[in-house]
Amino acid sequence: MLQNIGIPGLILVLVIALIIFGPSKLPEIGRAFGSTLKEFKKSTRELVSDDESKKDDENKSSVTQ
């Protein structure tokens, strides 16, 4: 879906955002989006590492039995 946007589409979205929110709000919105994305990535990494550690524990217990 995002592959169809292209550079002109991104520029259009940025101009519309600038018109709607104004230049003073855009940095705040960017920071909020960045921190949200950072938290999402952190949570995803934790979930993946938890799943991997559970699989490792299961494999170790099945080998020792």
N, C-alpha and C. Protein backbone atom coordinates (compact mmCIF):
# COMPACT_ATOMS: atom_id res chain seq x y z
N MET A 1 0.82 -1.19 0.00
CA MET A 1 0.00 0.00 0.00
C MET A 1 0.87 1.26 0.00
N LEU A 2 1.88 1.29 0.84
CA LEU A 2 2.72 2.48 0.92
C LEU A 2 3.65 2.62 -0.28
N GLN A 3 3.84 1.55 -1.04
CA GLN A 3 4.71 1.64 -2.19
C GLN A 3 4.09 2.47 -3.29
N ASN A 4 2.79 2.63 -3.28
CA ASN A 4 2.10 3.37 -4.34
C ASN A 4 2.08 4.87 -4.09
N ILE A 5 2.51 5.33 -2.91
CA ILE A 5 2.42 6.75 -2.59
C ILE A 5 3.44 7.55 -3.41
N GLY A 6 4.70 7.22 -3.31
CA GLY A 6 5.74 7.92 -4.05
C GLY A 6 6.07 9.28 -3.44
N ILE A 7 7.03 9.94 -4.02
CA ILE A 7 7.51 11.23 -3.53
C ILE A 7 6.44 12.32 -3.64
N PRO A 8 5.74 12.46 -4.77
CA PRO A 8 4.72 13.51 -4.84
C PRO A 8 3.60 13.32 -3.80
N GLY A 9 3.24 12.09 -3.55
CA GLY A 9 2.22 11.82 -2.54
C GLY A 9 2.67 12.19 -1.14
N LEU A 10 3.93 11.88 -0.84
CA LEU A 10 4.48 12.24 0.47
C LEU A 10 4.54 13.75 0.65
N ILE A 11 4.94 14.45 -0.40
CA ILE A 11 4.99 15.92 -0.33
C ILE A 11 3.60 16.48 -0.10
N LEU A 12 2.62 15.93 -0.78
CA LEU A 12 1.24 16.38 -0.62
C LEU A 12 0.75 16.16 0.80
N VAL A 13 1.05 14.99 1.37
CA VAL A 13 0.65 14.69 2.75
C VAL A 13 1.32 15.67 3.72
N LEU A 14 2.60 15.95 3.52
CA LEU A 14 3.31 16.89 4.39
C LEU A 14 2.76 18.30 4.30
N VAL A 15 2.42 18.73 3.10
CA VAL A 15 1.84 20.07 2.93
C VAL A 15 0.49 20.15 3.61
N ILE A 16 -0.33 19.14 3.44
CA ILE A 16 -1.65 19.13 4.10
C ILE A 16 -1.49 19.13 5.61
N ALA A 17 -0.54 18.34 6.13
CA ALA A 17 -0.30 18.32 7.58
C ALA A 17 0.18 19.69 8.06
N LEU A 18 1.01 20.35 7.28
CA LEU A 18 1.49 21.67 7.64
C LEU A 18 0.34 22.67 7.68
N ILE A 19 -0.56 22.58 6.73
CA ILE A 19 -1.71 23.49 6.69
C ILE A 19 -2.65 23.22 7.86
N ILE A 20 -2.91 21.95 8.15
CA ILE A 20 -3.86 21.60 9.21
C ILE A 20 -3.30 21.92 10.60
N PHE A 21 -2.08 21.45 10.88
CA PHE A 21 -1.53 21.57 12.24
C PHE A 21 -0.71 22.82 12.46
N GLY A 22 -0.17 23.39 11.42
CA GLY A 22 0.66 24.57 11.57
C GLY A 22 2.10 24.19 11.88
N PRO A 23 3.02 25.12 11.65
CA PRO A 23 4.44 24.81 11.83
C PRO A 23 4.84 24.61 13.29
N SER A 24 4.09 25.13 14.23
CA SER A 24 4.49 24.98 15.64
C SER A 24 4.12 23.62 16.20
N LYS A 25 3.09 22.98 15.66
CA LYS A 25 2.65 21.68 16.18
C LYS A 25 3.36 20.50 15.53
N LEU A 26 3.90 20.66 14.34
CA LEU A 26 4.51 19.54 13.64
C LEU A 26 5.68 18.91 14.40
N PRO A 27 6.59 19.68 15.02
CA PRO A 27 7.65 19.03 15.79
C PRO A 27 7.12 18.21 16.97
N GLU A 28 6.08 18.70 17.62
CA GLU A 28 5.48 17.95 18.73
C GLU A 28 4.88 16.64 18.23
N ILE A 29 4.19 16.71 17.11
CA ILE A 29 3.58 15.51 16.53
C ILE A 29 4.66 14.52 16.12
N GLY A 30 5.74 15.02 15.54
CA GLY A 30 6.86 14.16 15.14
C GLY A 30 7.51 13.47 16.33
N ARG A 31 7.71 14.21 17.41
CA ARG A 31 8.28 13.62 18.62
C ARG A 31 7.36 12.55 19.19
N ALA A 32 6.06 12.84 19.24
CA ALA A 32 5.10 11.87 19.76
C ALA A 32 5.07 10.61 18.90
N PHE A 33 5.10 10.79 17.59
CA PHE A 33 5.12 9.64 16.69
C PHE A 33 6.40 8.83 16.86
N GLY A 34 7.53 9.52 16.99
CA GLY A 34 8.81 8.84 17.18
C GLY A 34 8.86 8.04 18.47
N SER A 35 8.37 8.63 19.56
CA SER A 35 8.38 7.90 20.83
C SER A 35 7.42 6.72 20.80
N THR A 36 6.30 6.87 20.11
CA THR A 36 5.36 5.77 19.97
C THR A 36 5.97 4.63 19.17
N LEU A 37 6.64 4.96 18.09
CA LEU A 37 7.30 3.96 17.26
C LEU A 37 8.42 3.26 18.03
N LYS A 38 9.17 4.02 18.81
CA LYS A 38 10.25 3.45 19.62
C LYS A 38 9.69 2.47 20.65
N GLU A 39 8.61 2.83 21.32
CA GLU A 39 7.98 1.95 22.30
C GLU A 39 7.43 0.69 21.64
N PHE A 40 6.85 0.84 20.45
CA PHE A 40 6.32 -0.31 19.72
C PHE A 40 7.44 -1.29 19.37
N LYS A 41 8.56 -0.77 18.87
CA LYS A 41 9.69 -1.62 18.52
C LYS A 41 10.24 -2.34 19.75
N LYS A 42 10.32 -1.62 20.86
CA LYS A 42 10.82 -2.21 22.10
C LYS A 42 9.91 -3.35 22.56
N SER A 43 8.61 -3.14 22.51
CA SER A 43 7.66 -4.17 22.92
C SER A 43 7.73 -5.38 22.00
N THR A 44 7.88 -5.11 20.71
CA THR A 44 7.98 -6.21 19.74
C THR A 44 9.23 -7.04 20.00
N ARG A 45 10.35 -6.37 20.25
CA ARG A 45 11.59 -7.10 20.55
C ARG A 45 11.45 -7.94 21.81
N GLU A 46 10.79 -7.40 22.83
CA GLU A 46 10.60 -8.15 24.08
C GLU A 46 9.73 -9.38 23.85
N LEU A 47 8.68 -9.24 23.05
CA LEU A 47 7.81 -10.38 22.77
C LEU A 47 8.56 -11.47 22.00
N VAL A 48 9.36 -11.06 21.03
CA VAL A 48 10.11 -12.03 20.24
C VAL A 48 11.14 -12.73 21.12
N SER A 49 11.83 -11.99 21.95
CA SER A 49 12.84 -12.61 22.81
C SER A 49 12.20 -13.53 23.85
N ASP A 50 11.01 -13.17 24.34
CA ASP A 50 10.30 -14.05 25.27
C ASP A 50 9.92 -15.36 24.60
N ASP A 51 9.43 -15.29 23.36
CA ASP A 51 9.06 -16.49 22.62
C ASP A 51 10.28 -17.37 22.36
N GLU A 52 11.39 -16.75 22.00
CA GLU A 52 12.61 -17.51 21.73
C GLU A 52 13.13 -18.18 22.99
N SER A 53 13.06 -17.49 24.13
CA SER A 53 13.55 -18.08 25.37
C SER A 53 12.65 -19.24 25.80
N LYS A 54 11.35 -19.13 25.56
CA LYS A 54 10.44 -20.24 25.88
C LYS A 54 10.74 -21.45 25.01
N LYS A 55 11.01 -21.22 23.72
CA LYS A 55 11.34 -22.33 22.83
C LYS A 55 12.65 -22.99 23.25
N ASP A 56 13.63 -22.17 23.65
CA ASP A 56 14.91 -22.71 24.11
C ASP A 56 14.71 -23.55 25.36
N ASP A 57 13.90 -23.06 26.29
CA ASP A 57 13.63 -23.81 27.52
C ASP A 57 12.93 -25.13 27.22
N GLU A 58 11.98 -25.12 26.27
CA GLU A 58 11.28 -26.34 25.90
C GLU A 58 12.23 -27.33 25.25
N ASN A 59 13.12 -26.83 24.40
CA ASN A 59 14.07 -27.72 23.74
C ASN A 59 15.05 -28.32 24.73
N LYS A 60 15.50 -27.56 25.70
CA LYS A 60 16.42 -28.06 26.70
C LYS A 60 15.75 -29.10 27.57
N SER A 61 14.49 -28.87 27.94
CA SER A 61 13.81 -29.83 28.80
C SER A 61 13.50 -31.12 28.05
N SER A 62 13.19 -31.04 26.77
CA SER A 62 12.91 -32.25 25.99
C SER A 62 14.19 -33.05 25.74
N VAL A 63 15.33 -32.40 25.64
CA VAL A 63 16.59 -33.08 25.43
C VAL A 63 17.01 -33.81 26.70
N THR A 64 16.77 -33.22 27.85
CA THR A 64 17.21 -33.83 29.11
C THR A 64 16.30 -34.97 29.54
N GLN A 65 15.11 -35.07 28.99
CA GLN A 65 14.19 -36.13 29.40
C GLN A 65 14.43 -37.39 28.67
